[in-house]
Protein backbone atom coordinates (compact mmCIF):
# COMPACT_ATOMS: atom_id res chain seq x y z
CA MET A 1 27.02 -17.39 26.92
CA SER A 2 30.42 -19.00 26.21
CA ASP A 3 33.56 -17.02 25.33
CA LEU A 4 33.32 -18.22 21.72
CA GLU A 5 29.68 -17.14 21.45
CA SER A 6 30.51 -13.75 22.97
CA LYS A 7 33.31 -13.24 20.47
CA GLN A 8 31.06 -14.18 17.57
CA GLU A 9 28.36 -11.81 18.84
CA SER A 10 30.80 -8.91 19.23
CA SER A 11 32.14 -9.48 15.72
CA LEU A 12 28.72 -8.97 14.20
CA ARG A 13 27.99 -5.67 12.54
CA TRP A 14 25.59 -3.40 14.43
CA TYR A 15 22.67 -4.27 12.18
CA ASP A 16 23.21 -8.01 12.76
CA ARG A 17 22.84 -7.64 16.52
CA LYS A 18 19.60 -7.86 18.48
CA ILE A 19 18.60 -4.56 20.05
CA LEU A 20 16.63 -6.47 22.70
CA PRO A 21 16.72 -10.21 23.43
CA PHE A 22 13.12 -10.76 22.36
CA MET A 23 13.44 -8.75 19.13
CA PRO A 24 14.88 -9.93 15.80
CA ALA A 25 18.08 -8.36 14.53
CA TYR A 26 17.81 -5.10 12.62
CA SER A 27 19.00 -6.94 9.50
CA SER A 28 16.25 -9.58 9.66
CA SER A 29 13.63 -9.46 6.93
CA MET A 30 10.73 -8.88 9.33
CA PHE A 31 12.50 -5.97 11.04
CA GLN A 32 13.14 -4.38 7.64
CA VAL A 33 9.44 -4.77 6.87
CA VAL A 34 8.73 -2.83 10.09
CA VAL A 35 11.12 -0.03 9.03
CA LEU A 36 9.45 0.05 5.62
CA SER A 37 6.07 0.25 7.35
CA LEU A 38 7.22 3.28 9.35
CA VAL A 39 8.26 5.02 6.12
CA CYS A 40 4.78 4.48 4.71
CA PHE A 41 3.23 5.33 8.09
CA MET A 42 4.66 8.84 7.85
CA THR A 43 4.06 9.39 4.15
CA THR A 44 1.27 7.49 2.44
CA GLY A 45 -0.49 6.84 5.75
CA MET A 46 -0.73 10.55 6.47
CA TYR A 47 -1.74 11.21 2.88
CA ASN A 48 -4.57 8.70 3.28
CA ALA A 49 -5.71 10.53 6.40
CA LEU A 50 -5.89 13.79 4.44
CA THR A 51 -7.83 12.32 1.52
CA GLY A 52 -9.96 10.23 3.86
CA ILE A 53 -11.72 13.27 5.32
CA GLY A 54 -13.15 13.93 1.84
CA GLY A 55 -11.70 16.41 -0.63
CA SER A 56 -8.42 16.44 1.34
CA GLY A 57 -10.07 19.02 3.58
CA ILE A 58 -10.38 21.55 0.71
CA THR A 59 -13.04 22.21 -1.92
CA ILE A 60 -14.10 19.04 -3.72
CA GLY A 61 -13.51 20.36 -7.27
CA VAL A 62 -9.90 21.40 -6.61
CA ALA A 63 -9.21 18.15 -4.76
CA ASN A 64 -10.61 16.07 -7.63
CA ASN A 65 -8.50 17.88 -10.24
CA GLY A 66 -5.40 17.51 -8.09
CA SER A 67 -6.04 13.82 -7.53
CA THR A 68 -6.58 13.30 -11.25
CA ALA A 69 -3.20 14.92 -12.03
CA LEU A 70 -1.56 12.84 -9.30
CA TYR A 71 -2.88 9.53 -10.56
CA ILE A 72 -2.23 10.23 -14.24
CA VAL A 73 1.45 10.87 -13.49
CA PHE A 74 1.46 7.94 -11.06
CA CYS A 75 0.08 5.68 -13.79
CA VAL A 76 2.66 6.66 -16.44
CA TRP A 77 5.66 6.95 -14.13
CA GLY A 78 4.63 3.96 -12.06
CA PHE A 79 4.87 1.60 -15.03
CA PHE A 80 8.61 2.26 -15.29
CA SER A 81 9.29 2.84 -11.58
CA GLY A 82 10.12 -0.83 -11.04
CA TYR A 83 12.98 -0.47 -13.53
CA LEU A 84 14.15 2.69 -11.76
CA CYS A 85 13.96 0.99 -8.36
CA ASN A 86 16.05 -1.92 -9.60
CA MET A 87 18.68 0.45 -10.98
CA ILE A 88 19.08 2.76 -7.96
CA GLY A 89 18.14 0.38 -5.13
CA VAL A 90 15.24 0.32 -2.70
CA LYS A 91 16.81 2.69 -0.16
CA LEU A 92 17.32 5.58 -2.58
CA ALA A 93 13.95 4.87 -4.19
CA LEU A 94 12.22 5.20 -0.81
CA CYS A 95 14.12 8.42 -0.04
CA ILE A 96 13.10 9.98 -3.36
CA GLY A 97 9.55 8.75 -2.98
CA SER A 98 9.19 10.23 0.51
CA CYS A 99 9.97 13.77 -0.60
CA GLY A 100 6.73 14.50 -2.46
CA TYR A 101 4.31 14.10 0.43
CA CYS A 102 5.15 17.12 2.60
CA LEU A 103 5.24 19.28 -0.56
CA TYR A 104 1.72 18.12 -1.38
CA SER A 105 0.44 18.84 2.11
CA GLY A 106 2.04 22.27 2.01
CA ALA A 107 0.29 23.00 -1.27
CA LEU A 108 -3.08 22.09 0.22
CA SER A 109 -2.60 24.70 2.95
CA THR A 110 -2.35 27.43 0.26
CA ASN A 111 -5.77 26.67 -1.25
CA PRO A 112 -7.64 29.46 0.58
CA GLY A 113 -5.30 31.89 -1.18
CA GLY A 114 -6.34 30.55 -4.57
CA ALA A 115 -3.04 28.85 -5.41
CA GLU A 116 -4.70 26.07 -7.37
CA ALA A 117 -1.81 25.79 -9.84
CA PHE A 118 0.55 24.97 -6.95
CA ILE A 119 -1.80 22.21 -5.81
CA TYR A 120 -1.95 20.69 -9.30
CA ALA A 121 1.85 20.87 -9.73
CA SER A 122 2.54 19.33 -6.33
CA SER A 123 -0.01 16.61 -7.07
CA ALA A 124 1.83 15.71 -10.28
CA ILE A 125 5.18 15.65 -8.46
CA LEU A 126 3.68 13.46 -5.76
CA GLY A 127 2.48 11.06 -8.47
CA ALA A 128 6.07 10.47 -9.59
CA CYS A 129 7.36 10.23 -6.02
CA ALA A 130 4.61 7.83 -4.97
CA GLY A 131 5.26 5.56 -7.94
CA THR A 132 8.92 5.29 -6.95
CA LEU A 133 8.11 4.66 -3.29
CA TRP A 134 5.53 1.95 -3.93
CA SER A 135 7.81 0.03 -6.28
CA ALA A 136 10.44 -0.17 -3.54
CA GLN A 137 7.74 -1.12 -1.06
CA GLY A 138 6.55 -3.97 -3.25
CA SER A 139 10.09 -5.25 -3.74
CA ILE A 140 10.79 -5.40 0.00
CA MET A 141 7.46 -6.68 1.26
CA MET A 142 6.97 -9.42 -1.34
CA SER A 143 10.54 -10.76 -1.56
CA TYR A 144 12.34 -10.24 1.76
CA PRO A 145 10.19 -12.43 4.08
CA PRO A 146 10.31 -16.25 3.81
CA GLU A 147 7.41 -17.86 1.95
CA GLU A 148 5.68 -19.16 5.06
CA LYS A 149 5.69 -15.68 6.64
CA LYS A 150 4.62 -13.51 3.70
CA GLY A 151 1.05 -13.24 4.94
CA ARG A 152 2.35 -12.10 8.32
CA ALA A 153 4.68 -9.58 6.70
CA ILE A 154 1.80 -8.13 4.67
CA MET A 155 -0.27 -7.97 7.86
CA ILE A 156 2.48 -6.17 9.79
CA PHE A 157 2.98 -3.67 6.98
CA TRP A 158 -0.72 -2.97 6.55
CA VAL A 159 -1.33 -2.52 10.28
CA ILE A 160 1.55 -0.07 10.79
CA PHE A 161 0.95 1.68 7.47
CA ASN A 162 -2.71 2.29 8.27
CA LEU A 163 -1.81 3.39 11.77
CA GLY A 164 -0.59 6.49 9.94
CA GLY A 165 -4.11 7.02 8.67
CA VAL A 166 -5.48 6.49 12.18
CA VAL A 167 -3.05 8.94 13.81
CA GLY A 168 -3.48 11.46 11.02
CA SER A 169 -7.26 11.24 11.26
CA ALA A 170 -7.08 11.63 15.05
CA ILE A 171 -5.01 14.80 14.56
CA SER A 172 -7.53 16.08 12.02
CA LEU A 173 -10.40 15.21 14.36
CA GLY A 174 -8.75 17.03 17.27
CA ASN A 175 -8.12 20.15 15.19
CA ASN A 176 -11.62 20.17 13.73
CA LEU A 177 -13.66 18.99 16.72
CA LYS A 178 -15.28 22.39 17.11
CA ASN A 179 -15.32 23.05 13.37
CA ASN A 180 -18.74 22.55 11.81
CA GLU A 181 -17.62 23.79 8.39
CA SER A 182 -16.62 21.76 5.31
CA THR A 183 -12.87 22.60 5.13
CA ALA A 184 -9.97 21.83 7.46
CA THR A 185 -8.00 24.31 9.60
CA ASP A 186 -4.47 25.60 8.83
CA SER A 187 -3.04 23.87 11.90
CA THR A 188 -4.18 20.53 10.47
CA TYR A 189 -1.94 20.97 7.43
CA ALA A 190 1.00 22.21 9.53
CA VAL A 191 1.02 19.00 11.55
CA PHE A 192 0.79 16.86 8.42
CA ILE A 193 3.73 18.68 6.80
CA ALA A 194 5.95 17.99 9.81
CA LEU A 195 4.97 14.32 10.06
CA MET A 196 5.31 13.61 6.35
CA GLY A 197 8.78 15.15 6.27
CA SER A 198 9.97 12.69 8.91
CA GLY A 199 9.27 9.77 6.56
CA LEU A 200 12.58 10.48 4.82
CA LEU A 201 14.47 9.78 8.07
CA PHE A 202 13.00 6.29 8.31
CA ALA A 203 13.78 5.66 4.63
CA LEU A 204 17.46 6.21 5.41
CA GLY A 205 17.28 3.23 7.77
CA ILE A 206 16.51 0.67 5.06
CA LEU A 207 19.32 -1.84 4.44
CA PRO A 208 20.30 -3.06 0.94
CA ALA A 209 19.04 -6.55 0.11
CA HIS A 210 22.44 -8.26 0.39
CA LYS A 211 22.68 -7.26 4.07
CA VAL A 212 19.28 -8.68 5.02
CA TRP A 213 18.65 -12.15 6.46
CA LYS A 214 15.41 -13.96 5.63
CA TYR A 215 15.29 -15.67 9.03
CA ASP A 216 17.76 -15.24 11.89
CA VAL A 217 21.30 -13.93 11.44
CA GLY A 218 23.57 -16.55 9.90
CA GLU A 219 20.83 -18.66 8.29
CA GLU A 220 19.78 -17.47 4.82
CA ARG A 221 20.39 -14.17 3.04
CA VAL A 222 17.94 -12.30 0.86
CA VAL A 223 19.82 -12.95 -2.38
CA SER A 224 19.36 -10.13 -4.88
CA TYR A 225 20.16 -10.60 -8.55
CA GLN A 226 21.08 -8.13 -11.23
CA TYR A 227 21.17 -8.10 -15.00
CA PRO A 228 24.60 -7.54 -16.56
CA HIS A 229 23.40 -4.51 -18.52
CA TRP A 230 20.73 -1.85 -18.09
CA LYS A 231 19.19 -2.86 -21.42
CA SER A 232 18.63 -6.37 -20.08
CA GLU A 233 17.06 -4.85 -16.97
CA LEU A 234 14.68 -2.80 -19.07
CA ALA A 235 13.92 -5.69 -21.43
CA SER A 236 13.02 -7.93 -18.51
CA MET A 237 10.14 -5.64 -17.64
CA PHE A 238 8.52 -6.09 -21.05
CA ARG A 239 9.50 -9.75 -21.29
CA MET A 240 7.47 -10.42 -18.18
CA LEU A 241 4.31 -9.32 -19.94
CA TYR A 242 4.48 -12.14 -22.50
CA LYS A 243 6.42 -14.83 -20.63
CA GLU A 244 4.14 -14.71 -17.59
CA PRO A 245 0.58 -14.35 -18.94
CA LYS A 246 -0.88 -15.28 -15.56
CA ILE A 247 -0.08 -11.76 -14.37
CA TYR A 248 -2.84 -10.50 -16.68
CA LEU A 249 -5.40 -12.20 -14.44
CA MET A 250 -4.40 -9.74 -11.74
CA PHE A 251 -4.78 -6.60 -13.84
CA PRO A 252 -8.53 -6.15 -13.18
CA MET A 253 -7.92 -6.35 -9.42
CA PHE A 254 -5.08 -3.84 -9.80
CA PHE A 255 -7.47 -1.52 -11.62
CA ALA A 256 -10.25 -1.88 -9.03
CA SER A 257 -8.08 -1.60 -5.91
CA ASN A 258 -8.28 2.22 -5.63
CA TRP A 259 -11.34 2.75 -7.81
CA PHE A 260 -13.67 2.73 -4.82
CA TYR A 261 -11.65 5.30 -2.83
CA THR A 262 -13.31 8.20 -4.63
CA TYR A 263 -16.72 6.79 -3.84
CA HIS A 264 -15.85 6.13 -0.19
CA PHE A 265 -14.20 9.49 0.48
CA ASN A 266 -16.20 11.92 -1.65
CA ASP A 267 -19.53 10.29 -2.42
CA VAL A 268 -20.15 8.85 1.04
CA ASN A 269 -17.97 10.62 3.60
CA ALA A 270 -17.85 14.13 2.12
CA ALA A 271 -21.40 13.95 0.77
CA ARG A 272 -23.22 12.97 3.97
CA PHE A 273 -21.09 14.08 6.96
CA ASN A 274 -19.76 17.36 8.40
CA ILE A 275 -16.00 17.90 8.72
CA ARG A 276 -15.55 16.67 12.28
CA THR A 277 -17.60 13.55 11.62
CA ARG A 278 -15.68 12.98 8.39
CA SER A 279 -12.48 13.07 10.43
CA LEU A 280 -13.96 10.52 12.85
CA ASN A 281 -15.08 8.35 9.93
CA SER A 282 -11.60 8.53 8.45
CA LEU A 283 -10.10 7.40 11.76
CA LEU A 284 -12.51 4.46 11.95
CA TYR A 285 -11.88 3.62 8.28
CA TRP A 286 -8.12 3.24 8.71
CA LEU A 287 -8.50 1.58 12.11
CA SER A 288 -10.78 -1.03 10.57
CA GLN A 289 -8.14 -1.63 7.90
CA MET A 290 -5.74 -2.61 10.66
CA VAL A 291 -8.28 -5.05 12.07
CA GLY A 292 -9.05 -6.48 8.63
CA ALA A 293 -5.37 -6.88 7.75
CA PHE A 294 -4.65 -8.60 11.07
CA GLY A 295 -7.46 -11.14 10.74
CA PHE A 296 -6.83 -11.82 7.06
CA GLY A 297 -3.09 -12.15 7.67
CA LEU A 298 -3.76 -14.99 10.09
CA VAL A 299 -5.69 -16.78 7.35
CA LEU A 300 -2.93 -16.24 4.78
CA ASP A 301 -0.32 -17.87 7.06
CA TRP A 302 -2.59 -20.52 8.60
CA GLU A 303 -0.13 -23.36 9.25
CA ARG A 304 -2.84 -26.02 9.22
CA PHE A 305 -3.06 -25.74 5.43
CA ASN A 306 -0.52 -25.49 2.61
CA ARG A 307 -0.23 -22.35 0.51
CA LYS A 308 -2.46 -23.58 -2.31
CA THR A 309 -5.30 -24.32 0.12
CA ARG A 310 -4.86 -21.05 2.02
CA THR A 311 -5.10 -19.12 -1.23
CA LYS A 312 -8.40 -20.79 -2.09
CA ILE A 313 -9.81 -20.06 1.37
CA ALA A 314 -8.71 -16.43 1.13
CA TRP A 315 -10.35 -16.07 -2.29
CA GLY A 316 -13.63 -17.42 -0.90
CA ILE A 317 -13.57 -15.00 2.02
CA LEU A 318 -12.92 -12.05 -0.30
CA MET A 319 -15.75 -12.97 -2.65
CA ALA A 320 -18.21 -13.43 0.24
CA LEU A 321 -17.29 -10.02 1.65
CA THR A 322 -17.63 -8.43 -1.79
CA LEU A 323 -21.23 -9.56 -1.99
CA ALA A 324 -22.14 -8.83 1.64
CA ILE A 325 -20.53 -5.43 2.26
CA TRP A 326 -21.39 -3.85 -1.08
CA GLY A 327 -24.89 -5.28 -0.77
CA GLY A 328 -25.27 -3.39 2.49
CA GLY A 329 -23.85 -0.29 0.84
CA LEU A 330 -26.59 -0.37 -1.78
CA LYS A 331 -29.28 0.17 0.85
CA PHE A 332 -27.50 3.27 2.15
CA GLN A 333 -26.82 4.67 -1.33
CA LEU A 334 -30.48 4.46 -2.31
CA GLN A 335 -31.25 7.04 0.39
CA TYR A 336 -29.70 10.01 -1.44
CA THR A 337 -28.66 11.38 -4.84
CA ARG A 338 -26.43 14.26 -5.95
CA GLU A 339 -29.53 16.41 -6.27
CA SER A 340 -31.20 15.51 -2.97
CA VAL A 341 -28.04 15.64 -0.87
CA MET A 342 -27.82 19.42 -1.39
CA HIS A 343 -30.96 19.83 0.72
CA MET A 344 -30.24 17.18 3.33
CA GLU A 345 -28.76 17.81 6.77
CA LEU A 346 -25.24 16.46 7.14
CA TYR A 347 -24.73 13.65 9.64
CA ASP A 348 -22.96 14.50 12.88
CA TYR A 349 -21.50 11.85 15.17
CA LYS A 350 -23.93 12.99 17.90
CA HIS A 351 -26.96 12.05 15.77
CA ARG A 352 -28.69 8.76 16.56
CA ALA A 353 -28.96 8.02 12.84
CA TYR A 354 -25.15 8.05 12.56
CA ILE A 355 -24.66 4.51 13.93
CA GLY A 356 -25.69 2.60 10.80
CA PRO A 357 -23.61 4.61 8.30
CA MET A 358 -20.68 4.48 10.73
CA PHE A 359 -20.61 0.68 10.70
CA LEU A 360 -20.96 0.63 6.92
CA TYR A 361 -17.93 2.89 6.61
CA ILE A 362 -15.99 0.65 9.00
CA PHE A 363 -16.75 -2.38 6.82
CA TYR A 364 -15.73 -0.43 3.71
CA GLY A 365 -12.31 0.14 5.28
CA MET A 366 -11.97 -3.49 6.32
CA TYR A 367 -12.84 -4.60 2.80
CA ASP A 368 -10.16 -2.38 1.28
CA ALA A 369 -7.47 -3.95 3.48
CA ILE A 370 -8.54 -7.51 2.66
CA PHE A 371 -8.82 -6.77 -1.08
CA GLN A 372 -5.33 -5.28 -1.34
CA ASN A 373 -3.71 -7.78 1.03
CA PHE A 374 -4.97 -10.58 -1.21
CA ILE A 375 -3.35 -8.91 -4.22
CA TYR A 376 -0.01 -8.66 -2.45
CA TYR A 377 -0.25 -12.26 -1.28
CA LEU A 378 -0.85 -13.55 -4.81
CA LEU A 379 2.06 -11.53 -6.19
CA GLY A 380 4.33 -12.70 -3.38
CA ALA A 381 3.32 -16.30 -4.08
CA ILE A 382 4.39 -15.96 -7.72
CA SER A 383 7.95 -14.77 -7.03
CA ASN A 384 10.62 -14.43 -4.33
CA ASN A 385 12.96 -12.32 -6.48
CA PRO A 386 13.31 -8.64 -5.38
CA LYS A 387 13.83 -7.62 -9.02
CA LYS A 388 10.60 -9.22 -10.18
CA THR A 389 8.54 -8.11 -7.20
CA ALA A 390 9.64 -4.51 -7.80
CA ILE A 391 8.25 -4.81 -11.34
CA TYR A 392 5.10 -6.51 -10.05
CA GLY A 393 4.64 -3.65 -7.61
CA ALA A 394 5.16 -1.13 -10.40
CA PHE A 395 2.55 -2.78 -12.62
CA TYR A 396 0.17 -2.99 -9.67
CA LYS A 397 0.46 0.67 -8.72
CA SER A 398 0.49 1.91 -12.32
CA ILE A 399 -2.76 0.15 -13.22
CA GLN A 400 -4.24 1.00 -9.83
CA SER A 401 -3.52 4.67 -10.47
CA ALA A 402 -5.11 4.54 -13.91
CA GLY A 403 -8.34 3.39 -12.31
CA ALA A 404 -8.12 6.00 -9.58
CA ALA A 405 -7.49 8.81 -12.09
CA ILE A 406 -10.55 7.83 -14.10
CA MET A 407 -12.75 7.61 -11.00
CA TRP A 408 -11.65 10.98 -9.62
CA ARG A 409 -12.43 12.53 -12.99
CA LEU A 410 -15.84 10.90 -13.14
CA ASP A 411 -16.63 12.36 -9.74
CA TYR A 412 -15.56 15.80 -10.96
CA TYR A 413 -18.20 15.55 -13.71
CA GLU A 414 -20.76 14.66 -11.03
CA ILE A 415 -21.76 11.26 -12.33
CA PRO A 416 -24.82 10.09 -10.33
CA TYR A 417 -23.91 8.51 -7.02
CA ILE A 418 -25.76 5.30 -7.81
CA ASN A 419 -23.72 4.88 -10.99
CA MET A 420 -20.50 5.44 -9.06
CA PHE A 421 -21.58 2.83 -6.54
CA ALA A 422 -22.55 0.32 -9.24
CA SER A 423 -19.18 0.68 -10.96
CA CYS A 424 -17.39 -0.05 -7.68
CA TRP A 425 -19.39 -3.17 -6.89
CA ALA A 426 -19.21 -4.50 -10.45
CA LEU A 427 -15.45 -3.96 -10.73
CA CYS A 428 -14.70 -5.55 -7.37
CA ALA A 429 -16.85 -8.62 -7.97
CA GLY A 430 -15.76 -9.02 -11.58
CA SER A 431 -12.05 -8.64 -10.87
CA VAL A 432 -12.14 -11.19 -8.05
CA MET A 433 -13.85 -13.66 -10.38
CA ILE A 434 -11.20 -13.11 -13.07
CA ALA A 435 -8.49 -13.91 -10.50
CA PHE A 436 -10.19 -17.25 -9.74
CA PRO A 437 -8.03 -19.37 -12.15
CA LEU A 438 -4.83 -17.91 -10.71
CA ALA A 439 -5.87 -18.47 -7.10
CA PHE A 440 -7.17 -22.01 -7.62
CA PHE A 441 -4.92 -23.52 -10.29
CA MET A 442 -1.68 -21.54 -10.71
CA ILE A 443 -0.38 -20.87 -7.19
CA GLN A 444 2.16 -23.45 -6.02
CA ASN A 445 3.28 -24.34 -2.51
CA HIS A 446 6.82 -23.20 -3.29
CA THR A 447 8.48 -20.95 -5.89
CA ASP A 448 11.82 -22.19 -7.23
CA VAL A 449 14.65 -19.73 -7.82
CA GLU A 450 14.97 -20.88 -11.43
CA ASP A 451 11.39 -19.84 -12.09
CA ASP A 452 12.25 -16.27 -11.11
CA ASP A 453 14.80 -15.65 -13.91
CA LEU A 454 12.85 -14.56 -16.97
CA ASN A 455 15.60 -14.63 -19.57
CA GLY A 456 18.46 -16.56 -17.95
CA GLU A 457 20.69 -13.47 -17.82
CA MET A 458 20.47 -12.73 -14.11
CA VAL A 459 23.68 -12.95 -12.12
CA MET A 460 24.11 -12.89 -8.37
CA LYS A 461 25.55 -9.67 -6.99
CA GLN A 462 29.15 -10.00 -5.87
CA ALA A 463 28.18 -8.86 -2.39
CA ASP A 464 25.72 -11.74 -2.16
CA ILE A 465 28.35 -14.24 -3.31
CA SER A 466 30.69 -12.99 -0.59
CA CYS A 467 27.96 -13.26 2.02
CA ILE A 468 27.19 -16.84 1.03
CA GLU A 469 30.87 -17.79 1.04
CA ASN A 470 31.35 -16.22 4.47
CA THR A 471 28.31 -18.00 5.84
CA SER A 472 29.51 -21.32 4.43
CA SER A 473 33.01 -20.92 5.85
CA THR A 474 31.62 -20.03 9.27
CA THR A 475 29.43 -23.12 9.20
CA GLU A 476 32.40 -25.34 8.30
CA LYS A 477 34.43 -23.99 11.21
């Protein structure tokens, strides 16, 4: 390295330097996606591990009521959380969003004492926190990476995020390995509380958009825009609903994306397996999500084809899996009902008959990853603007939560299992078909910056202007 290069390297801020030669700088978009993934690893990933064992390890009725409260608040708050995220910034939004998860896990540990009101209150608080967190997540993941690497960024996020579910499920499995009952041990919740609380520490490591580079340091900044007034910021959220009607084609997929969780966790896992096998199933479920996200991410960034072609291929894969996996699930569902399951022996992982249902549950997890990764890819293909992607993420999670709240409530009223299954399959297949025009005719190979400004009022942040000027002057020298 020459003296000039050494001087330039030493003048860089700490976050613009490479920690190791083979790693990108901390301020690179892909590294920030990794930090974001670690936040979700410790928070939502661990939450998924708890819910994945069926009933969050507590009685099904209490868990269903708590989940309903969570998703109702998530739905209402989530609709406006994109606006909040744009006003306070992604870092603070992630910090606020991380706080609700350890409170929720702590409330679950009180259930044997009959503190159901605490569970319901903490569930509602978590709904608001989760809405804030996921809006920030959508803003970062869909706008920071360059267009040709968005599929890879989604893959990286989904793999690390679901690693939280894998680790959490492994912890639950270890604590409940000798537990043949239907509820989890106190030590299980204690570990989850500690892990979820650490998510806040990772959230503090997120950089503001104007300090992030899309590629390598010195090439291209993630340029964030702002509206000159908070009223314009708020108006842009509603303006998007009528100036971009193509987003409506995504709403059914938003609605369906968590609808099947209740069926997977309560009507399959909790209904047919004992607690230690449910913990194993949960581990396999989230592990298969990592595999599904990795394979699908390679398709989404397949360099042999342009983005329009890749989107069509991805849609075809998703539709084929919708028919195949849910078709296999029908055969398993026909073996039991809510009435008959009360008199049936629960599966244990030592039973020979466990192999078939195990693979079905693995494919259910893989399908979830592919379904939601496709949603994120479509949204990321529509816009590169952090402001817009935060609102997209808010719409996505708000509508997703509405579907989840309804489904958890239906399960509370003990709707027949076959009806629950049919609603999942119909919603998944129907929503993918509705997204067909968007995937085949409306996705372009590149999104222009001008297309991202809904009302022509956006202005570049002064920090971004300074960064661009500094980069230009350095290049001239």
